[in-house]
């Protein structure tokens, strides 16, 4: 898989909901969480280190791309999706969550 950069990610680990996190992947896992605090870095970068797959689709291991595509499909088909935890994020971040 190709390394990827995700800009302006929102960290939902605590109630601060920092929305300016820059995530770097090696194509499979997050390897760097720039601008995240210690808790956020541990949450983003430590996920999946317990031997379990990072993503599951219908209960089976799946690639990150497949999991993202499945999540996007679920949200696209939803009549009234609930997007929670953006109360302290910027208006622009909230808008992207509802229009993307």
Protein backbone atom coordinates (compact mmCIF):
# COMPACT_ATOMS: atom_id res chain seq x y z
CA UNK A 1 0.00 0.00 0.00
CA UNK A 2 1.04 3.56 -0.62
CA UNK A 3 1.96 5.86 2.30
CA UNK A 4 -0.75 8.45 2.87
CA UNK A 5 -1.11 11.84 4.52
CA UNK A 6 -4.41 12.83 6.13
CA UNK A 7 -4.63 16.51 6.99
CA UNK A 8 -6.96 18.11 9.54
CA UNK A 9 -7.95 14.83 11.18
CA UNK A 10 -10.02 15.11 14.35
CA UNK A 11 -8.85 13.26 17.45
CA UNK A 12 -11.78 11.91 19.47
CA UNK A 13 -9.72 10.45 22.31
CA UNK A 14 -10.74 13.11 24.83
CA UNK A 15 -13.24 15.95 24.92
CA UNK A 16 -10.86 18.52 23.40
CA UNK A 17 -11.55 17.18 19.89
CA UNK A 18 -8.40 18.66 18.34
CA UNK A 19 -9.11 18.99 14.63
CA UNK A 20 -5.75 19.98 13.21
CA UNK A 21 -3.98 16.63 13.45
CA UNK A 22 -1.83 15.53 10.52
CA UNK A 23 -1.69 11.74 10.19
CA UNK A 24 1.06 9.93 8.28
CA UNK A 25 0.66 6.27 7.34
CA UNK A 26 2.98 3.64 5.97
CA UNK A 27 0.08 2.46 3.83
CA UNK A 28 -1.28 0.14 6.52
CA UNK A 29 -0.94 1.89 9.86
CA UNK A 30 -0.63 5.40 11.25
CA UNK A 31 3.05 5.96 12.00
CA UNK A 32 3.01 9.65 12.95
CA UNK A 33 0.38 11.99 14.38
CA UNK A 34 1.75 15.49 13.96
CA UNK A 35 0.30 18.17 16.28
CA UNK A 36 -1.37 15.53 18.47
CA UNK A 37 -0.75 15.57 22.22
CA UNK A 38 0.77 12.61 24.06
CA UNK A 39 -2.64 10.98 24.52
CA UNK A 40 -3.60 11.52 20.89
CA UNK A 41 -0.31 10.13 19.59
CA UNK A 42 -0.70 7.01 21.73
CA UNK A 43 -4.28 6.59 20.53
CA UNK A 44 -3.56 7.09 16.83
CA UNK A 45 -0.20 5.33 16.64
CA UNK A 46 -0.74 2.61 19.22
CA UNK A 47 -3.94 1.23 17.75
CA UNK A 48 -3.57 -2.27 16.38
CA UNK A 49 -0.32 -3.07 18.19
CA UNK A 50 -2.03 -5.92 20.06
CA UNK A 51 -1.88 -8.32 17.11
CA UNK A 52 -5.48 -7.79 16.01
CA UNK A 53 -6.18 -6.42 12.52
CA UNK A 54 -6.54 -2.64 12.35
CA UNK A 55 -9.79 -2.94 10.39
CA UNK A 56 -12.65 -5.39 10.03
CA UNK A 57 -15.42 -5.46 7.42
CA UNK A 58 -18.32 -7.77 8.17
CA UNK A 59 -16.23 -9.41 10.89
CA UNK A 60 -13.25 -10.28 8.69
CA UNK A 61 -9.85 -8.57 8.40
CA UNK A 62 -9.83 -5.95 5.65
CA UNK A 63 -7.50 -3.36 4.19
CA UNK A 64 -7.80 0.24 5.36
CA UNK A 65 -9.00 1.26 1.89
CA UNK A 66 -11.74 -1.38 1.95
CA UNK A 67 -12.83 -0.31 5.44
CA UNK A 68 -12.94 3.37 4.43
CA UNK A 69 -14.93 2.52 1.30
CA UNK A 70 -17.39 0.46 3.37
CA UNK A 71 -17.80 3.23 5.96
CA UNK A 72 -18.33 5.81 3.21
CA UNK A 73 -20.93 3.55 1.59
CA UNK A 74 -22.80 3.17 4.89
CA UNK A 75 -22.79 6.95 5.44
CA UNK A 76 -23.86 7.65 1.83
CA UNK A 77 -26.85 5.34 2.19
CA UNK A 78 -27.87 6.66 5.62
CA UNK A 79 -30.97 8.84 5.75
CA UNK A 80 -29.99 10.77 8.88
CA UNK A 81 -26.46 9.83 10.00
CA UNK A 82 -25.45 10.90 13.48
CA UNK A 83 -22.12 12.70 13.51
CA UNK A 84 -21.09 13.07 17.14
CA UNK A 85 -18.30 14.87 18.93
CA UNK A 86 -17.75 17.91 16.73
CA UNK A 87 -19.15 20.52 19.10
CA UNK A 88 -15.73 21.98 19.86
CA UNK A 89 -14.36 21.74 16.33
CA UNK A 90 -14.38 24.45 13.70
CA UNK A 91 -17.37 25.15 11.51
CA UNK A 92 -15.28 24.11 8.51
CA UNK A 93 -14.57 20.70 10.10
CA UNK A 94 -18.24 20.21 10.89
CA UNK A 95 -19.17 21.13 7.33
CA UNK A 96 -16.70 18.63 5.85
CA UNK A 97 -18.14 15.87 8.05
CA UNK A 98 -21.58 16.45 6.60
CA UNK A 99 -20.73 17.14 2.96
CA UNK A 100 -17.95 14.67 2.19
